[in-house]
Structures are given as C-alpha cells and as structure tokens.
Amino acid sequence: MKPFNVLLSIALLSVPVTALAEGGGARVIARMQAQRDESMARFLEREDAKAIVRAQQAAKARLATRMASSAHSERSVDQP
C-alpha cells in the first residue's frame, strides 16, 4: 500500500508542474494581469479613489523621508 501511495503522490504533484511548464504559467500570469487591470479600473471609477491614492502616495513619501533621515543618523563617525 505504501508504494502505491508514494506513486500516487508523485503523480499528483507532477501534473501541475507539467501544466505550468507547457505555457500554463504564461496564461495564468496574463489572466492575473487582466483581472488586476479590470479591478484597478473599477477602483478608479469610485469617487473616493483619488483621495485613497493621494493618501497612499503621501504615506510612501513620509516613509521615504523617514528612511532617508534614519540613514543619515546611522552613520558612524569614521564614515563620511
């Protein structure tokens, strides 16, 4: 019974790998990108989308500023 289970497990694990190896991965990625684009288009149709995008951009800018200032303060005396 154990050899049968091992062979069955190997067969079941190899089927998805062969499907992705034969171009299935490209189709999956293309489908994900199409769904992402459709989702983003619907999101941008909302009235509050611009405010949300502005808030996200402001948060990224604050994080970048914080990271840049912490990089300056972490330098040792020996480094210029």
N, C-alpha and C. Protein backbone atom coordinates (compact mmCIF):
# COMPACT_ATOMS: atom_id res chain seq x y z
N MET A 1 0.82 -1.20 0.00
CA MET A 1 0.00 0.00 0.00
C MET A 1 0.86 1.26 0.00
N LYS A 2 2.02 1.22 0.72
CA LYS A 2 2.89 2.39 0.76
C LYS A 2 3.45 2.75 -0.61
N PRO A 3 3.92 1.77 -1.40
CA PRO A 3 4.44 2.14 -2.74
C PRO A 3 3.36 2.79 -3.60
N PHE A 4 2.14 2.31 -3.48
CA PHE A 4 1.03 2.90 -4.23
C PHE A 4 0.81 4.35 -3.83
N ASN A 5 0.83 4.63 -2.52
CA ASN A 5 0.65 6.00 -2.05
C ASN A 5 1.77 6.92 -2.52
N VAL A 6 2.99 6.40 -2.53
CA VAL A 6 4.13 7.19 -2.98
C VAL A 6 3.99 7.51 -4.47
N LEU A 7 3.66 6.51 -5.27
CA LEU A 7 3.48 6.74 -6.71
C LEU A 7 2.32 7.69 -6.99
N LEU A 8 1.24 7.55 -6.25
CA LEU A 8 0.10 8.45 -6.42
C LEU A 8 0.47 9.88 -6.05
N SER A 9 1.21 10.04 -4.98
CA SER A 9 1.65 11.38 -4.56
C SER A 9 2.55 12.02 -5.61
N ILE A 10 3.47 11.26 -6.13
CA ILE A 10 4.39 11.78 -7.16
C ILE A 10 3.60 12.17 -8.41
N ALA A 11 2.66 11.35 -8.80
CA ALA A 11 1.86 11.64 -9.99
C ALA A 11 1.03 12.90 -9.78
N LEU A 12 0.41 13.04 -8.62
CA LEU A 12 -0.43 14.21 -8.36
C LEU A 12 0.39 15.49 -8.25
N LEU A 13 1.61 15.38 -7.76
CA LEU A 13 2.46 16.57 -7.65
C LEU A 13 3.09 16.96 -8.99
N SER A 14 3.26 16.01 -9.89
CA SER A 14 3.91 16.32 -11.16
C SER A 14 2.93 16.89 -12.19
N VAL A 15 1.65 16.66 -12.05
CA VAL A 15 0.68 17.15 -13.03
C VAL A 15 0.67 18.68 -13.09
N PRO A 16 0.59 19.41 -11.97
CA PRO A 16 0.61 20.87 -12.07
C PRO A 16 1.92 21.41 -12.63
N VAL A 17 3.02 20.76 -12.32
CA VAL A 17 4.32 21.21 -12.81
C VAL A 17 4.37 21.10 -14.33
N THR A 18 3.89 20.00 -14.87
CA THR A 18 3.91 19.85 -16.32
C THR A 18 2.95 20.82 -16.99
N ALA A 19 1.84 21.11 -16.37
CA ALA A 19 0.89 22.07 -16.95
C ALA A 19 1.50 23.45 -17.01
N LEU A 20 2.21 23.87 -15.96
CA LEU A 20 2.84 25.18 -15.95
C LEU A 20 4.05 25.21 -16.88
N ALA A 21 4.71 24.08 -17.05
CA ALA A 21 5.89 24.04 -17.91
C ALA A 21 5.51 24.15 -19.38
N GLU A 22 4.31 23.81 -19.74
CA GLU A 22 3.87 23.84 -21.14
C GLU A 22 3.18 25.14 -21.50
N GLY A 23 3.49 26.22 -20.82
CA GLY A 23 2.90 27.51 -21.16
C GLY A 23 1.72 27.87 -20.28
N GLY A 24 1.37 27.03 -19.36
CA GLY A 24 0.26 27.34 -18.47
C GLY A 24 0.58 28.51 -17.56
N GLY A 25 1.85 28.65 -17.20
CA GLY A 25 2.26 29.75 -16.33
C GLY A 25 2.04 31.09 -16.99
N ALA A 26 2.33 31.18 -18.28
CA ALA A 26 2.13 32.44 -19.01
C ALA A 26 0.65 32.80 -19.07
N ARG A 27 -0.18 31.80 -19.25
CA ARG A 27 -1.63 32.06 -19.29
C ARG A 27 -2.13 32.52 -17.93
N VAL A 28 -1.62 31.91 -16.87
CA VAL A 28 -2.04 32.30 -15.52
C VAL A 28 -1.62 33.73 -15.24
N ILE A 29 -0.40 34.08 -15.58
CA ILE A 29 0.08 35.44 -15.34
C ILE A 29 -0.71 36.45 -16.17
N ALA A 30 -1.01 36.11 -17.42
CA ALA A 30 -1.80 37.01 -18.27
C ALA A 30 -3.19 37.21 -17.70
N ARG A 31 -3.79 36.15 -17.21
CA ARG A 31 -5.13 36.24 -16.61
C ARG A 31 -5.10 37.09 -15.34
N MET A 32 -4.06 36.91 -14.52
CA MET A 32 -3.94 37.71 -13.29
C MET A 32 -3.78 39.19 -13.63
N GLN A 33 -2.98 39.50 -14.63
CA GLN A 33 -2.76 40.89 -15.03
C GLN A 33 -4.06 41.51 -15.56
N ALA A 34 -4.82 40.76 -16.35
CA ALA A 34 -6.09 41.26 -16.88
C ALA A 34 -7.07 41.54 -15.74
N GLN A 35 -7.14 40.64 -14.78
CA GLN A 35 -8.04 40.85 -13.65
C GLN A 35 -7.59 42.03 -12.80
N ARG A 36 -6.27 42.21 -12.63
CA ARG A 36 -5.75 43.34 -11.87
C ARG A 36 -6.11 44.65 -12.56
N ASP A 37 -5.96 44.69 -13.89
CA ASP A 37 -6.29 45.90 -14.64
C ASP A 37 -7.77 46.23 -14.53
N GLU A 38 -8.62 45.20 -14.64
CA GLU A 38 -10.06 45.41 -14.53
C GLU A 38 -10.43 45.90 -13.13
N SER A 39 -9.81 45.33 -12.13
CA SER A 39 -10.07 45.74 -10.75
C SER A 39 -9.63 47.17 -10.51
N MET A 40 -8.47 47.54 -11.05
CA MET A 40 -7.98 48.90 -10.87
C MET A 40 -8.89 49.90 -11.59
N ALA A 41 -9.40 49.54 -12.77
CA ALA A 41 -10.31 50.42 -13.49
C ALA A 41 -11.59 50.66 -12.69
N ARG A 42 -12.12 49.59 -12.11
CA ARG A 42 -13.32 49.75 -11.27
C ARG A 42 -13.02 50.60 -10.04
N PHE A 43 -11.86 50.40 -9.46
CA PHE A 43 -11.49 51.16 -8.27
C PHE A 43 -11.39 52.64 -8.58
N LEU A 44 -10.78 52.97 -9.72
CA LEU A 44 -10.60 54.38 -10.06
C LEU A 44 -11.90 55.07 -10.44
N GLU A 45 -12.95 54.30 -10.72
CA GLU A 45 -14.26 54.89 -11.00
C GLU A 45 -14.94 55.39 -9.73
N ARG A 46 -14.52 54.89 -8.60
CA ARG A 46 -15.12 55.32 -7.33
C ARG A 46 -14.75 56.77 -7.05
N GLU A 47 -15.62 57.46 -6.34
CA GLU A 47 -15.39 58.87 -6.04
C GLU A 47 -14.24 59.06 -5.05
N ASP A 48 -14.12 58.16 -4.11
CA ASP A 48 -13.10 58.33 -3.08
C ASP A 48 -11.75 57.73 -3.48
N ALA A 49 -11.65 57.23 -4.70
CA ALA A 49 -10.41 56.58 -5.13
C ALA A 49 -9.25 57.57 -5.17
N LYS A 50 -9.51 58.79 -5.64
CA LYS A 50 -8.43 59.78 -5.73
C LYS A 50 -7.90 60.12 -4.35
N ALA A 51 -8.77 60.22 -3.37
CA ALA A 51 -8.33 60.51 -2.00
C ALA A 51 -7.50 59.36 -1.45
N ILE A 52 -7.91 58.15 -1.74
CA ILE A 52 -7.18 56.99 -1.26
C ILE A 52 -5.80 56.93 -1.90
N VAL A 53 -5.73 57.18 -3.21
CA VAL A 53 -4.45 57.15 -3.91
C VAL A 53 -3.53 58.25 -3.38
N ARG A 54 -4.09 59.45 -3.13
CA ARG A 54 -3.28 60.54 -2.59
C ARG A 54 -2.75 60.19 -1.20
N ALA A 55 -3.58 59.55 -0.38
CA ALA A 55 -3.15 59.16 0.96
C ALA A 55 -2.04 58.11 0.89
N GLN A 56 -2.15 57.17 -0.04
CA GLN A 56 -1.11 56.17 -0.19
C GLN A 56 0.20 56.80 -0.66
N GLN A 57 0.12 57.74 -1.59
CA GLN A 57 1.33 58.40 -2.08
C GLN A 57 1.97 59.23 -0.98
N ALA A 58 1.16 59.89 -0.16
CA ALA A 58 1.69 60.68 0.95
C ALA A 58 2.38 59.77 1.97
N ALA A 59 1.78 58.60 2.23
CA ALA A 59 2.39 57.66 3.17
C ALA A 59 3.72 57.14 2.64
N LYS A 60 3.78 56.88 1.33
CA LYS A 60 5.05 56.43 0.74
C LYS A 60 6.11 57.53 0.84
N ALA A 61 5.70 58.78 0.62
CA ALA A 61 6.65 59.89 0.70
C ALA A 61 7.16 60.05 2.13
N ARG A 62 6.27 59.93 3.11
CA ARG A 62 6.69 60.03 4.52
C ARG A 62 7.65 58.91 4.87
N LEU A 63 7.38 57.72 4.39
CA LEU A 63 8.26 56.58 4.67
C LEU A 63 9.63 56.80 4.03
N ALA A 64 9.65 57.29 2.80
CA ALA A 64 10.92 57.54 2.13
C ALA A 64 11.72 58.60 2.87
N THR A 65 11.05 59.65 3.35
CA THR A 65 11.72 60.70 4.11
C THR A 65 12.28 60.14 5.41
N ARG A 66 11.49 59.32 6.08
CA ARG A 66 11.92 58.72 7.34
C ARG A 66 13.11 57.80 7.12
N MET A 67 13.08 57.03 6.03
CA MET A 67 14.19 56.12 5.73
C MET A 67 15.46 56.91 5.41
N ALA A 68 15.31 58.00 4.67
CA ALA A 68 16.47 58.80 4.30
C ALA A 68 17.08 59.47 5.53
N SER A 69 16.24 59.96 6.43
CA SER A 69 16.76 60.62 7.62
C SER A 69 17.40 59.62 8.58
N SER A 70 16.87 58.40 8.63
CA SER A 70 17.46 57.40 9.51
C SER A 70 18.79 56.91 8.94
N ALA A 71 18.94 56.92 7.62
CA ALA A 71 20.21 56.51 7.02
C ALA A 71 21.31 57.51 7.36
N HIS A 72 20.98 58.79 7.43
CA HIS A 72 21.96 59.81 7.79
C HIS A 72 22.37 59.68 9.26
N SER A 73 21.42 59.41 10.12
CA SER A 73 21.72 59.37 11.55
C SER A 73 22.43 58.09 11.97
N GLU A 74 22.37 57.04 11.14
CA GLU A 74 23.00 55.77 11.50
C GLU A 74 24.48 55.70 11.10
N ARG A 75 25.00 56.67 10.40
CA ARG A 75 26.40 56.65 10.00
C ARG A 75 27.30 56.81 11.21
N SER A 76 28.39 56.11 11.19
CA SER A 76 29.33 56.22 12.29
C SER A 76 30.25 57.41 12.08
N VAL A 77 31.07 57.69 13.04
CA VAL A 77 31.98 58.83 12.98
C VAL A 77 33.06 58.59 11.91
N ASP A 78 33.44 57.34 11.69
CA ASP A 78 34.50 57.01 10.75
C ASP A 78 34.07 57.16 9.30
N GLN A 79 32.77 57.06 9.04
CA GLN A 79 32.30 57.12 7.66
C GLN A 79 31.92 58.55 7.30
N PRO A 80 32.19 58.97 6.06
CA PRO A 80 31.83 60.33 5.65
C PRO A 80 30.35 60.48 5.43
